[in-house]
C-alpha atoms as a PDB file:
ATOM      1  CA  MET A   1      67.970  -2.027  85.829  1.00  0.00           C
ATOM      2  CA  PRO A   2      67.810  -3.807  82.445  1.00  0.00           C
ATOM      3  CA  ASP A   3      70.182  -6.645  81.683  1.00  0.00           C
ATOM      4  CA  PRO A   4      73.008  -5.144  79.538  1.00  0.00           C
ATOM      5  CA  THR A   5      73.748  -8.525  77.902  1.00  0.00           C
ATOM      6  CA  LYS A   6      70.408  -8.465  76.047  1.00  0.00           C
ATOM      7  CA  THR A   7      69.878  -6.373  72.963  1.00  0.00           C
ATOM      8  CA  TYR A   8      66.833  -4.342  72.076  1.00  0.00           C
ATOM      9  CA  GLY A   9      64.556  -6.339  69.783  1.00  0.00           C
ATOM     10  CA  GLY A  10      61.706  -3.898  69.355  1.00  0.00           C
ATOM     11  CA  PRO A  11      58.744  -3.077  71.575  1.00  0.00           C
ATOM     12  CA  GLU A  12      59.137  -6.427  73.312  1.00  0.00           C
ATOM     13  CA  PHE A  13      62.176  -8.644  73.717  1.00  0.00           C
ATOM     14  CA  ILE A  14      61.850 -12.079  72.131  1.00  0.00           C
ATOM     15  CA  GLU A  15      64.091 -14.688  73.733  1.00  0.00           C
ATOM     16  CA  PRO A  16      66.247 -17.030  71.647  1.00  0.00           C
ATOM     17  CA  VAL A  17      65.038 -20.623  72.111  1.00  0.00           C
ATOM     18  CA  LYS A  18      65.998 -24.027  70.776  1.00  0.00           C
ATOM     19  CA  PRO A  19      63.537 -25.398  68.220  1.00  0.00           C
ATOM     20  CA  ARG A  20      61.361 -28.215  69.512  1.00  0.00           C
ATOM     21  CA  PRO A  21      58.187 -29.996  68.453  1.00  0.00           C
ATOM     22  CA  GLY A  22      55.211 -27.679  68.624  1.00  0.00           C
ATOM     23  CA  LEU A  23      57.135 -24.588  67.512  1.00  0.00           C
ATOM     24  CA  PHE A  24      56.855 -23.536  63.889  1.00  0.00           C
ATOM     25  CA  LYS A  25      58.693 -21.171  61.580  1.00  0.00           C
ATOM     26  CA  THR A  26      56.814 -19.179  58.939  1.00  0.00           C
ATOM     27  CA  GLY A  27      57.140 -22.037  56.449  1.00  0.00           C
ATOM     28  CA  GLY A  28      55.646 -24.454  58.953  1.00  0.00           C
ATOM     29  CA  ILE A  29      52.660 -22.168  59.487  1.00  0.00           C
ATOM     30  CA  VAL A  30      52.146 -21.874  55.736  1.00  0.00           C
ATOM     31  CA  ASN A  31      52.326 -25.657  55.255  1.00  0.00           C
ATOM     32  CA  ARG A  32      49.646 -26.171  57.903  1.00  0.00           C
ATOM     33  CA  CYS A  33      47.388 -23.455  56.470  1.00  0.00           C
ATOM     34  CA  MET A  34      47.557 -24.617  52.836  1.00  0.00           C
ATOM     35  CA  GLU A  35      44.422 -25.855  51.153  1.00  0.00           C
ATOM     36  CA  PRO A  36      43.232 -26.112  47.539  1.00  0.00           C
ATOM     37  CA  GLY A  37      42.956 -22.731  45.870  1.00  0.00           C
ATOM     38  CA  LEU A  38      45.634 -20.999  47.941  1.00  0.00           C
ATOM     39  CA  ASP A  39      48.964 -19.923  46.478  1.00  0.00           C
ATOM     40  CA  LYS A  40      51.901 -20.772  48.735  1.00  0.00           C
ATOM     41  CA  ALA A  41      53.875 -17.605  47.909  1.00  0.00           C
ATOM     42  CA  THR A  42      50.849 -15.399  48.583  1.00  0.00           C
ATOM     43  CA  LEU A  43      50.089 -17.147  51.858  1.00  0.00           C
ATOM     44  CA  THR A  44      53.730 -16.813  52.942  1.00  0.00           C
ATOM     45  CA  SER A  45      53.561 -13.082  52.280  1.00  0.00           C
ATOM     46  CA  GLN A  46      50.291 -12.840  54.216  1.00  0.00           C
ATOM     47  CA  VAL A  47      51.728 -14.656  57.250  1.00  0.00           C
ATOM     48  CA  ARG A  48      54.703 -12.293  57.289  1.00  0.00           C
ATOM     49  CA  THR A  49      52.307  -9.349  57.087  1.00  0.00           C
ATOM     50  CA  TYR A  50      50.302 -10.736  60.026  1.00  0.00           C
ATOM     51  CA  HIS A  51      53.496 -10.712  62.089  1.00  0.00           C
ATOM     52  CA  GLN A  52      54.359  -7.158  61.000  1.00  0.00           C
ATOM     53  CA  ARG A  53      50.886  -5.994  62.041  1.00  0.00           C
ATOM     54  CA  ASN A  54      51.297  -7.739  65.416  1.00  0.00           C
ATOM     55  CA  TYR A  55      48.478 -10.208  64.715  1.00  0.00           C
ATOM     56  CA  LEU A  56      50.916 -13.069  65.400  1.00  0.00           C
ATOM     57  CA  THR A  57      53.135 -13.197  68.471  1.00  0.00           C
ATOM     58  CA  PRO A  58      56.332 -15.238  68.193  1.00  0.00           C
ATOM     59  CA  PHE A  59      57.224 -17.605  71.001  1.00  0.00           C
ATOM     60  CA  GLY A  60      60.929 -17.042  70.448  1.00  0.00           C
ATOM     61  CA  ILE A  61      63.771 -16.719  67.976  1.00  0.00           C
ATOM     62  CA  ASP A  62      65.448 -19.867  66.657  1.00  0.00           C
ATOM     63  CA  GLU A  63      68.881 -19.772  68.249  1.00  0.00           C
ATOM     64  CA  THR A  64      70.219 -22.415  65.831  1.00  0.00           C
ATOM     65  CA  ASP A  65      69.252 -20.440  62.711  1.00  0.00           C
ATOM     66  CA  ALA A  66      71.693 -17.747  61.583  1.00  0.00           C
ATOM     67  CA  ARG A  67      68.800 -15.758  60.063  1.00  0.00           C
ATOM     68  CA  GLY A  68      67.116 -15.416  63.447  1.00  0.00           C
ATOM     69  CA  ALA A  69      63.848 -16.932  62.264  1.00  0.00           C
ATOM     70  CA  TYR A  70      60.833 -16.518  64.537  1.00  0.00           C
ATOM     71  CA  LEU A  71      59.251 -19.578  66.138  1.00  0.00           C
ATOM     72  CA  TYR A  72      55.507 -19.629  66.747  1.00  0.00           C
ATOM     73  CA  ALA A  73      53.415 -21.820  69.044  1.00  0.00           C
ATOM     74  CA  ILE A  74      50.427 -23.804  67.762  1.00  0.00           C
ATOM     75  CA  ASP A  75      47.918 -21.176  68.893  1.00  0.00           C
ATOM     76  CA  GLN A  76      49.494 -18.688  66.497  1.00  0.00           C
ATOM     77  CA  VAL A  77      49.160 -21.221  63.672  1.00  0.00           C
ATOM     78  CA  LEU A  78      45.426 -21.282  64.362  1.00  0.00           C
ATOM     79  CA  VAL A  79      45.262 -17.478  64.363  1.00  0.00           C
ATOM     80  CA  ALA A  80      47.102 -17.398  61.030  1.00  0.00           C
ATOM     81  CA  LYS A  81      44.684 -19.974  59.570  1.00  0.00           C
ATOM     82  CA  VAL A  82      41.646 -17.950  60.636  1.00  0.00           C
ATOM     83  CA  LEU A  83      43.141 -14.733  59.234  1.00  0.00           C
ATOM     84  CA  ALA A  84      44.079 -16.456  55.958  1.00  0.00           C
ATOM     85  CA  THR A  85      40.574 -17.907  55.627  1.00  0.00           C
ATOM     86  CA  LEU A  86      39.007 -14.491  56.221  1.00  0.00           C
ATOM     87  CA  ASN A  87      41.388 -12.932  53.722  1.00  0.00           C
ATOM     88  CA  PHE A  88      40.589 -15.623  51.145  1.00  0.00           C
ATOM     89  CA  ALA A  89      36.872 -14.920  51.689  1.00  0.00           C
ATOM     90  CA  GLY A  90      37.445 -11.234  50.951  1.00  0.00           C
ATOM     91  CA  VAL A  91      37.354  -9.863  54.495  1.00  0.00           C
ATOM     92  CA  ASP A  92      40.286  -7.531  55.162  1.00  0.00           C
END
């Protein structure tokens, strides 16, 4: 039987976790993916779209942030960088 203290968070439940080194919010992913020629606002929008399309899997939800920001592990930062590079090159 499911735990009644947890709420439904979509197709999979993402646990609240405390932020720690090695976990990044969307802004942290964008900062690590930036390079000359990229617009920060556009890249931020792209990273959010990658999450919406389930290309990025969050590690958890920041329990100290009232907005409930997602936290991503370093492997997801690499996935975002590859997707952003492909997008910048014109591959959809």
